[in-house]
Amino acid sequence: RELWRRAARMAREQLFATDPLQHVELGEPEHVVRRRWINDRWVEDIAEIRMSKTPFAEGSLRICYHAKKMSSRCTLRHRQQNSKHAQWAYQRNYVLKVYKSTSVRGG
């Protein structure tokens, strides 16, 4: 049992050892409305994100940006203690897909 705990701890530390988005320049933190489909209904809440200033991919309908979302478990105490839970390098990475306007798409 202790061996499994140690292996899980090592895997967790290795997972956060390097940030895959460390080369991406992210903008200032901003609060956004997050919409999620949970239990057959839409749920809205406020999230704090940092989004890249330039897109990394573009298709005919959407533009894709790198982003990070601050954990909803990050509390004021984490921020005051400068805990890793409040540092952007330890937050999860996301891809934001933004639809182009219909005039750009030709629709």
C-alpha atoms as a PDB file:
ATOM      1  CA  ARG A   1       0.000   0.000   0.000  1.00  0.00           C
ATOM      2  CA  GLU A   2       2.780   2.437   0.856  1.00  0.00           C
ATOM      3  CA  LEU A   3       4.501   1.594  -2.431  1.00  0.00           C
ATOM      4  CA  TRP A   4       1.385   2.665  -4.355  1.00  0.00           C
ATOM      5  CA  ARG A   5       1.190   5.938  -2.428  1.00  0.00           C
ATOM      6  CA  ARG A   6       4.830   6.664  -3.133  1.00  0.00           C
ATOM      7  CA  ALA A   7       4.384   5.865  -6.838  1.00  0.00           C
ATOM      8  CA  ALA A   8       1.320   8.123  -7.039  1.00  0.00           C
ATOM      9  CA  ARG A   9       3.183  10.954  -5.300  1.00  0.00           C
ATOM     10  CA  MET A  10       6.137  10.592  -7.689  1.00  0.00           C
ATOM     11  CA  ALA A  11       3.825  10.579 -10.721  1.00  0.00           C
ATOM     12  CA  ARG A  12       2.065  13.713  -9.452  1.00  0.00           C
ATOM     13  CA  GLU A  13       5.370  15.511  -8.904  1.00  0.00           C
ATOM     14  CA  GLN A  14       6.597  14.485 -12.338  1.00  0.00           C
ATOM     15  CA  LEU A  15       3.359  15.652 -13.931  1.00  0.00           C
ATOM     16  CA  PHE A  16       3.893  19.180 -12.611  1.00  0.00           C
ATOM     17  CA  ALA A  17       7.679  19.216 -12.995  1.00  0.00           C
ATOM     18  CA  THR A  18       7.497  21.139 -16.270  1.00  0.00           C
ATOM     19  CA  ASP A  19       4.785  23.319 -17.685  1.00  0.00           C
ATOM     20  CA  PRO A  20       4.096  22.568 -21.368  1.00  0.00           C
ATOM     21  CA  LEU A  21       2.890  26.149 -21.838  1.00  0.00           C
ATOM     22  CA  GLN A  22       5.910  27.854 -20.292  1.00  0.00           C
ATOM     23  CA  HIS A  23       6.937  29.157 -23.738  1.00  0.00           C
ATOM     24  CA  VAL A  24       3.495  30.706 -24.381  1.00  0.00           C
ATOM     25  CA  GLU A  25       2.949  34.323 -23.390  1.00  0.00           C
ATOM     26  CA  LEU A  26      -0.326  34.472 -21.468  1.00  0.00           C
ATOM     27  CA  GLY A  27      -2.315  37.648 -20.912  1.00  0.00           C
ATOM     28  CA  GLU A  28      -3.464  39.109 -17.620  1.00  0.00           C
ATOM     29  CA  PRO A  29      -5.897  37.095 -15.475  1.00  0.00           C
ATOM     30  CA  GLU A  30      -9.550  37.791 -16.206  1.00  0.00           C
ATOM     31  CA  HIS A  31     -12.868  36.545 -14.866  1.00  0.00           C
ATOM     32  CA  VAL A  32     -15.164  34.783 -17.323  1.00  0.00           C
ATOM     33  CA  VAL A  33     -18.496  32.982 -17.210  1.00  0.00           C
ATOM     34  CA  ARG A  34     -17.978  29.241 -17.588  1.00  0.00           C
ATOM     35  CA  ARG A  35     -20.850  27.138 -18.904  1.00  0.00           C
ATOM     36  CA  ARG A  36     -20.891  23.380 -18.382  1.00  0.00           C
ATOM     37  CA  TRP A  37     -23.441  20.659 -19.186  1.00  0.00           C
ATOM     38  CA  ILE A  38     -24.006  18.733 -15.949  1.00  0.00           C
ATOM     39  CA  ASN A  39     -26.903  16.365 -15.192  1.00  0.00           C
ATOM     40  CA  ASP A  40     -28.946  17.340 -18.263  1.00  0.00           C
ATOM     41  CA  ARG A  41     -28.767  21.085 -17.663  1.00  0.00           C
ATOM     42  CA  TRP A  42     -26.404  24.008 -18.163  1.00  0.00           C
ATOM     43  CA  VAL A  43     -24.528  25.216 -15.097  1.00  0.00           C
ATOM     44  CA  GLU A  44     -22.828  28.616 -15.001  1.00  0.00           C
ATOM     45  CA  ASP A  45     -20.076  29.785 -12.689  1.00  0.00           C
ATOM     46  CA  ILE A  46     -17.261  32.332 -12.681  1.00  0.00           C
ATOM     47  CA  ALA A  47     -13.735  31.195 -13.528  1.00  0.00           C
ATOM     48  CA  GLU A  48     -10.393  32.992 -13.568  1.00  0.00           C
ATOM     49  CA  ILE A  49      -8.345  32.364 -16.718  1.00  0.00           C
ATOM     50  CA  ARG A  50      -5.244  33.547 -18.527  1.00  0.00           C
ATOM     51  CA  MET A  51      -5.378  33.295 -22.304  1.00  0.00           C
ATOM     52  CA  SER A  52      -2.621  33.521 -24.909  1.00  0.00           C
ATOM     53  CA  LYS A  53      -2.536  36.770 -26.841  1.00  0.00           C
ATOM     54  CA  THR A  54      -2.074  35.065 -30.189  1.00  0.00           C
ATOM     55  CA  PRO A  55      -3.864  31.993 -31.562  1.00  0.00           C
ATOM     56  CA  PHE A  56      -1.892  28.797 -32.137  1.00  0.00           C
ATOM     57  CA  ALA A  57      -4.273  27.367 -34.755  1.00  0.00           C
ATOM     58  CA  GLU A  58      -6.972  28.607 -37.076  1.00  0.00           C
ATOM     59  CA  GLY A  59      -9.534  26.769 -39.147  1.00  0.00           C
ATOM     60  CA  SER A  60     -12.361  27.866 -41.393  1.00  0.00           C
ATOM     61  CA  LEU A  61     -14.815  28.205 -38.465  1.00  0.00           C
ATOM     62  CA  ARG A  62     -12.787  28.694 -35.285  1.00  0.00           C
ATOM     63  CA  ILE A  63      -9.610  30.162 -33.822  1.00  0.00           C
ATOM     64  CA  CYS A  64      -7.761  28.257 -31.046  1.00  0.00           C
ATOM     65  CA  TYR A  65      -5.936  29.805 -28.093  1.00  0.00           C
ATOM     66  CA  HIS A  66      -3.899  28.290 -25.260  1.00  0.00           C
ATOM     67  CA  ALA A  67      -5.267  29.066 -21.790  1.00  0.00           C
ATOM     68  CA  LYS A  68      -4.909  28.232 -18.112  1.00  0.00           C
ATOM     69  CA  LYS A  69      -7.743  28.178 -15.576  1.00  0.00           C
ATOM     70  CA  MET A  70      -7.143  28.871 -11.916  1.00  0.00           C
ATOM     71  CA  SER A  71      -8.417  26.016  -9.799  1.00  0.00           C
ATOM     72  CA  SER A  72     -11.725  26.683  -8.075  1.00  0.00           C
ATOM     73  CA  ARG A  73     -10.105  25.161  -4.970  1.00  0.00           C
ATOM     74  CA  CYS A  74      -7.611  28.021  -4.786  1.00  0.00           C
ATOM     75  CA  THR A  75      -8.551  29.991  -1.677  1.00  0.00           C
ATOM     76  CA  LEU A  76      -7.448  33.328  -0.254  1.00  0.00           C
ATOM     77  CA  ARG A  77      -5.221  31.425   2.181  1.00  0.00           C
ATOM     78  CA  HIS A  78      -3.419  29.733  -0.731  1.00  0.00           C
ATOM     79  CA  ARG A  79      -2.801  33.136  -2.318  1.00  0.00           C
ATOM     80  CA  GLN A  80      -1.553  34.703   0.922  1.00  0.00           C
ATOM     81  CA  GLN A  81       0.865  31.825   1.533  1.00  0.00           C
ATOM     82  CA  ASN A  82       1.944  31.820  -2.134  1.00  0.00           C
ATOM     83  CA  SER A  83       1.086  28.139  -2.260  1.00  0.00           C
ATOM     84  CA  LYS A  84       1.617  26.187  -5.481  1.00  0.00           C
ATOM     85  CA  HIS A  85      -2.186  25.885  -5.642  1.00  0.00           C
ATOM     86  CA  ALA A  86      -2.255  29.635  -6.368  1.00  0.00           C
ATOM     87  CA  GLN A  87       0.547  29.673  -8.960  1.00  0.00           C
ATOM     88  CA  TRP A  88      -0.334  29.713 -12.658  1.00  0.00           C
ATOM     89  CA  ALA A  89       2.437  27.252 -13.550  1.00  0.00           C
ATOM     90  CA  TYR A  90       0.616  24.525 -11.603  1.00  0.00           C
ATOM     91  CA  GLN A  91      -2.824  25.121 -13.126  1.00  0.00           C
ATOM     92  CA  ARG A  92      -4.396  22.968 -15.818  1.00  0.00           C
ATOM     93  CA  ASN A  93      -3.983  23.801 -19.487  1.00  0.00           C
ATOM     94  CA  TYR A  94      -6.951  24.310 -21.791  1.00  0.00           C
ATOM     95  CA  VAL A  95      -7.689  25.096 -25.423  1.00  0.00           C
ATOM     96  CA  LEU A  96     -10.219  27.853 -26.035  1.00  0.00           C
ATOM     97  CA  LYS A  97     -12.025  27.656 -29.355  1.00  0.00           C
ATOM     98  CA  VAL A  98     -13.601  30.881 -30.541  1.00  0.00           C
ATOM     99  CA  TYR A  99     -16.033  30.949 -33.457  1.00  0.00           C
ATOM    100  CA  LYS A 100     -15.250  33.428 -36.209  1.00  0.00           C
ATOM    101  CA  SER A 101     -17.897  35.969 -37.124  1.00  0.00           C
ATOM    102  CA  THR A 102     -20.166  35.012 -40.014  1.00  0.00           C
ATOM    103  CA  SER A 103     -18.733  37.799 -42.196  1.00  0.00           C
ATOM    104  CA  VAL A 104     -15.232  36.291 -41.903  1.00  0.00           C
ATOM    105  CA  ARG A 105     -16.534  32.755 -42.541  1.00  0.00           C
ATOM    106  CA  GLY A 106     -18.414  33.881 -45.618  1.00  0.00           C
ATOM    107  CA  GLY A 107     -21.787  32.824 -44.215  1.00  0.00           C
END
